[in-house]
Amino acid sequence: MLSWSEMYGIQRNLDFCATSSFKDLSDAYATDELPSGTPVLSVPSSVLLNSYNIRLNEVGELSRAEQFLTKLSEPLPLFYLFVKLLYEYSMGDQSPYYDWLNSLPRHYDTGTSMTPTCYDCLPPLAATYAKIERVRYINYQSAVKTIDWMPEWVVEDRMICKWIFNVVGTRSMDLGDGSGERVIVPVADMVSLEEFQDKLSQISLQCMTRKSIVYFLNNRPL
């Protein structure tokens, strides 16, 4: 992942390192003291997976799928990311995102993988959200079948569709500008915030520009 990051212009503070060549940033560490406010990662806009840009410039005709999902009140920004990554997957090693996709977890324990018996074992609120997630996955899979330019083999592969849906659901974040658009930030998406709270006092998004997203250390020095 480190060589892929460098190839596509992702920059990091030279004192900011991680084991397994950035495959798992939860094992991040510093080779020298990094004070609070230090920029540690800069991800150029050309690498970002942005639902707004995907809709405008990066995929083909989606009107039938959009109409289908709008009637069901399903969020479109997540669907645009789903479509984009499904197509990138279909390109195999010809996709510029191949190395990043290949580095991601293969298994997700989410609502999409649950059965009615699983829901019965959950607290009511958790079961409700798990069911919503599973229904959304089913609706997205139905919608993507209306896209003529998407390779049929990938559309019909439920395991791949479910995997991509989980990638989008677990690695995307709201842009935070009130638009509802979502973005995936390759490499930075691998940060485990839960584990980072003690190690780095969290790496968080502090500055977003048209050229890049920059991550800084918060609160305490590393």
Protein backbone atom coordinates (compact mmCIF):
# COMPACT_ATOMS: atom_id res chain seq x y z
CA MET A 1 0.00 0.00 0.00
CA LEU A 2 2.88 2.37 0.68
CA SER A 3 4.19 2.19 -2.89
CA TRP A 4 0.62 2.57 -4.24
CA SER A 5 0.12 5.62 -2.01
CA GLU A 6 3.28 7.26 -3.28
CA MET A 7 2.41 6.48 -6.89
CA TYR A 8 -0.92 8.33 -6.59
CA GLY A 9 0.40 11.34 -4.70
CA ILE A 10 -0.68 10.50 -1.15
CA GLN A 11 1.81 12.23 1.13
CA ARG A 12 2.64 11.47 4.74
CA ASN A 13 4.78 13.06 7.39
CA LEU A 14 8.13 11.25 7.24
CA ASP A 15 8.00 10.71 11.00
CA PHE A 16 4.55 9.11 10.74
CA CYS A 17 4.83 5.37 10.07
CA ALA A 18 2.74 2.24 10.27
CA THR A 19 3.41 -1.47 10.40
CA SER A 20 2.52 -3.68 7.44
CA SER A 21 3.20 -0.85 4.99
CA PHE A 22 0.02 1.06 5.77
CA LYS A 23 -2.15 -2.02 5.52
CA ASP A 24 -3.26 -1.46 9.10
CA LEU A 25 -2.96 2.11 10.30
CA SER A 26 -4.22 1.13 13.74
CA ASP A 27 -0.56 0.17 14.35
CA ALA A 28 0.68 3.64 13.48
CA TYR A 29 3.64 5.15 15.31
CA ALA A 30 6.02 8.10 15.10
CA THR A 31 9.79 7.90 14.76
CA ASP A 32 10.09 11.31 16.42
CA GLU A 33 7.82 13.41 18.64
CA LEU A 34 4.93 14.92 16.68
CA PRO A 35 3.19 17.81 18.42
CA SER A 36 -0.55 18.39 18.37
CA GLY A 37 -1.71 19.89 15.07
CA THR A 38 0.95 18.15 12.98
CA PRO A 39 -0.29 17.16 9.49
CA VAL A 40 0.31 13.43 9.03
CA LEU A 41 -1.51 12.52 5.80
CA SER A 42 -2.44 14.47 2.70
CA VAL A 43 -4.69 12.77 0.15
CA PRO A 44 -5.11 14.50 -3.25
CA SER A 45 -8.60 15.02 -4.66
CA SER A 46 -7.72 12.86 -7.67
CA VAL A 47 -7.62 9.82 -5.38
CA LEU A 48 -10.77 10.57 -3.38
CA LEU A 49 -13.94 8.61 -4.07
CA ASN A 50 -16.47 11.44 -3.92
CA SER A 51 -20.14 10.65 -4.55
CA TYR A 52 -20.75 14.07 -6.14
CA ASN A 53 -17.88 13.73 -8.62
CA ILE A 54 -18.82 10.13 -9.38
CA ARG A 55 -22.34 11.18 -10.34
CA LEU A 56 -21.13 14.03 -12.57
CA ASN A 57 -18.04 12.66 -14.25
CA GLU A 58 -17.02 9.11 -13.44
CA VAL A 59 -19.84 6.73 -14.37
CA GLY A 60 -22.35 6.25 -17.16
CA GLU A 61 -26.13 6.58 -17.30
CA LEU A 62 -27.86 5.96 -13.97
CA SER A 63 -31.30 7.52 -14.43
CA ARG A 64 -33.28 4.26 -14.20
CA ALA A 65 -31.45 3.20 -11.04
CA GLU A 66 -31.86 6.67 -9.53
CA GLN A 67 -35.59 6.68 -10.19
CA PHE A 68 -35.94 3.22 -8.68
CA LEU A 69 -34.09 4.18 -5.48
CA THR A 70 -35.76 7.58 -5.16
CA LYS A 71 -39.16 5.89 -5.03
CA LEU A 72 -37.84 3.77 -2.16
CA SER A 73 -36.33 6.82 -0.37
CA GLU A 74 -32.88 5.25 -0.43
CA PRO A 75 -29.81 7.54 -0.19
CA LEU A 76 -28.19 8.10 -3.58
CA PRO A 77 -24.69 9.23 -2.47
CA LEU A 78 -23.98 5.79 -1.01
CA PHE A 79 -25.28 4.20 -4.20
CA TYR A 80 -22.93 6.26 -6.37
CA LEU A 81 -19.99 4.98 -4.34
CA PHE A 82 -21.37 1.44 -4.58
CA VAL A 83 -21.61 1.69 -8.38
CA LYS A 84 -18.16 3.22 -8.72
CA LEU A 85 -16.43 0.54 -6.66
CA LEU A 86 -18.39 -2.27 -8.28
CA TYR A 87 -17.17 -1.09 -11.68
CA GLU A 88 -13.58 -0.67 -10.42
CA TYR A 89 -13.73 -4.23 -9.11
CA SER A 90 -14.90 -5.48 -12.49
CA MET A 91 -11.75 -3.97 -14.07
CA GLY A 92 -9.49 -6.21 -11.98
CA ASP A 93 -5.82 -5.21 -11.96
CA GLN A 94 -6.52 -2.63 -14.66
CA SER A 95 -8.29 -0.46 -12.08
CA PRO A 96 -6.17 2.30 -10.48
CA TYR A 97 -7.79 1.28 -7.17
CA TYR A 98 -6.80 -2.39 -7.47
CA ASP A 99 -4.10 -2.32 -4.77
CA TRP A 100 -6.33 -0.43 -2.36
CA LEU A 101 -9.27 -2.77 -2.93
CA ASN A 102 -6.99 -5.78 -2.56
CA SER A 103 -5.86 -4.51 0.85
CA LEU A 104 -9.38 -4.35 2.32
CA PRO A 105 -10.93 -6.91 4.71
CA ARG A 106 -12.71 -9.80 3.04
CA HIS A 107 -15.27 -10.37 5.77
CA TYR A 108 -17.75 -7.99 7.41
CA ASP A 109 -20.18 -8.79 10.21
CA THR A 110 -22.93 -6.35 9.27
CA GLY A 111 -26.69 -6.34 8.85
CA THR A 112 -26.37 -7.47 5.24
CA SER A 113 -25.08 -10.85 6.38
CA MET A 114 -27.74 -11.47 9.01
CA THR A 115 -30.79 -13.72 8.94
CA PRO A 116 -34.15 -13.30 10.72
CA THR A 117 -32.75 -15.51 13.49
CA CYS A 118 -29.84 -13.09 13.94
CA TYR A 119 -32.24 -10.17 14.28
CA ASP A 120 -34.12 -11.99 17.03
CA CYS A 121 -30.90 -12.17 19.03
CA LEU A 122 -30.25 -8.42 18.84
CA PRO A 123 -31.64 -5.65 21.03
CA PRO A 124 -34.67 -4.07 19.28
CA LEU A 125 -32.93 -0.88 18.14
CA ALA A 126 -29.87 -2.73 16.83
CA ALA A 127 -32.14 -5.20 15.01
CA THR A 128 -34.01 -2.32 13.38
CA TYR A 129 -30.83 -0.75 12.02
CA ALA A 130 -29.52 -4.13 10.85
CA LYS A 131 -32.75 -4.77 8.94
CA ILE A 132 -32.59 -1.31 7.33
CA GLU A 133 -29.04 -2.05 6.20
CA ARG A 134 -30.01 -5.40 4.69
CA VAL A 135 -33.01 -3.93 2.86
CA ARG A 136 -30.79 -1.15 1.51
CA TYR A 137 -28.31 -3.69 0.18
CA ILE A 138 -31.12 -5.62 -1.55
CA ASN A 139 -32.45 -2.39 -3.08
CA TYR A 140 -29.01 -1.34 -4.30
CA GLN A 141 -28.42 -4.73 -5.85
CA SER A 142 -31.77 -4.50 -7.65
CA ALA A 143 -31.00 -0.97 -8.84
CA VAL A 144 -27.58 -1.86 -10.23
CA LYS A 145 -29.22 -4.48 -12.46
CA THR A 146 -30.84 -1.62 -14.41
CA ILE A 147 -27.42 -0.25 -15.41
CA ASP A 148 -26.71 -1.41 -18.95
CA TRP A 149 -22.98 -0.62 -18.98
CA MET A 150 -22.17 -2.54 -15.80
CA PRO A 151 -20.68 -6.00 -16.58
CA GLU A 152 -23.38 -8.60 -16.02
CA TRP A 153 -21.08 -11.08 -14.28
CA VAL A 154 -20.30 -8.67 -11.45
CA VAL A 155 -23.93 -7.60 -11.06
CA GLU A 156 -25.05 -11.21 -10.70
CA ASP A 157 -22.35 -12.11 -8.16
CA ARG A 158 -24.07 -11.58 -4.81
CA MET A 159 -20.91 -12.10 -2.78
CA ILE A 160 -19.07 -9.37 -4.65
CA CYS A 161 -22.03 -6.98 -4.44
CA LYS A 162 -22.36 -7.60 -0.71
CA TRP A 163 -18.63 -7.07 -0.18
CA ILE A 164 -18.63 -3.78 -2.10
CA PHE A 165 -21.73 -2.63 -0.22
CA ASN A 166 -19.95 -3.27 3.08
CA VAL A 167 -16.81 -1.48 1.90
CA VAL A 168 -18.88 1.59 1.08
CA GLY A 169 -20.89 1.42 4.28
CA THR A 170 -17.91 1.04 6.60
CA ARG A 171 -15.33 3.27 4.88
CA SER A 172 -17.27 6.28 3.62
CA MET A 173 -17.97 9.43 5.59
CA ASP A 174 -20.24 12.44 5.21
CA LEU A 175 -18.55 15.44 3.61
CA GLY A 176 -19.90 17.53 6.45
CA ASP A 177 -21.00 20.45 4.28
CA GLY A 178 -24.73 19.80 4.56
CA SER A 179 -24.99 18.33 1.05
CA GLY A 180 -25.34 14.73 2.20
CA GLU A 181 -22.59 13.72 -0.22
CA ARG A 182 -20.13 11.08 0.96
CA VAL A 183 -16.45 10.43 0.39
CA ILE A 184 -14.00 7.58 0.83
CA VAL A 185 -10.41 8.63 1.51
CA PRO A 186 -8.11 5.75 0.51
CA VAL A 187 -5.34 4.97 3.04
CA ALA A 188 -6.86 7.29 5.67
CA ASP A 189 -9.96 5.09 5.59
CA MET A 190 -7.89 2.35 7.21
CA VAL A 191 -7.47 4.28 10.44
CA SER A 192 -9.14 2.53 13.35
CA LEU A 193 -10.44 5.50 15.30
CA GLU A 194 -11.47 3.35 18.23
CA GLU A 195 -7.95 2.00 18.66
CA PHE A 196 -6.41 5.36 17.80
CA GLN A 197 -7.98 7.19 20.73
CA ASP A 198 -5.27 5.98 23.07
CA LYS A 199 -2.45 5.84 20.54
CA LEU A 200 -2.86 9.07 18.60
CA SER A 201 -5.67 10.91 20.38
CA GLN A 202 -7.38 10.34 17.01
CA ILE A 203 -6.36 11.35 13.54
CA SER A 204 -9.16 13.51 12.27
CA LEU A 205 -10.15 15.53 9.27
CA GLN A 206 -9.29 19.16 9.92
CA CYS A 207 -8.88 20.70 6.49
CA MET A 208 -10.55 19.90 3.20
CA THR A 209 -9.69 21.78 0.02
CA ARG A 210 -10.37 21.22 -3.66
CA LYS A 211 -6.87 19.80 -4.01
CA SER A 212 -6.55 17.51 -1.05
CA ILE A 213 -7.76 16.30 2.32
CA VAL A 214 -5.26 16.77 5.13
CA TYR A 215 -5.31 14.86 8.42
CA PHE A 216 -3.81 16.27 11.61
CA LEU A 217 -3.10 14.98 15.08
CA ASN A 218 -5.57 16.19 17.72
CA ASN A 219 -5.04 17.33 21.27
CA ARG A 220 -2.02 15.41 22.48
CA PRO A 221 1.39 14.94 20.86
CA LEU A 222 2.25 11.50 19.50
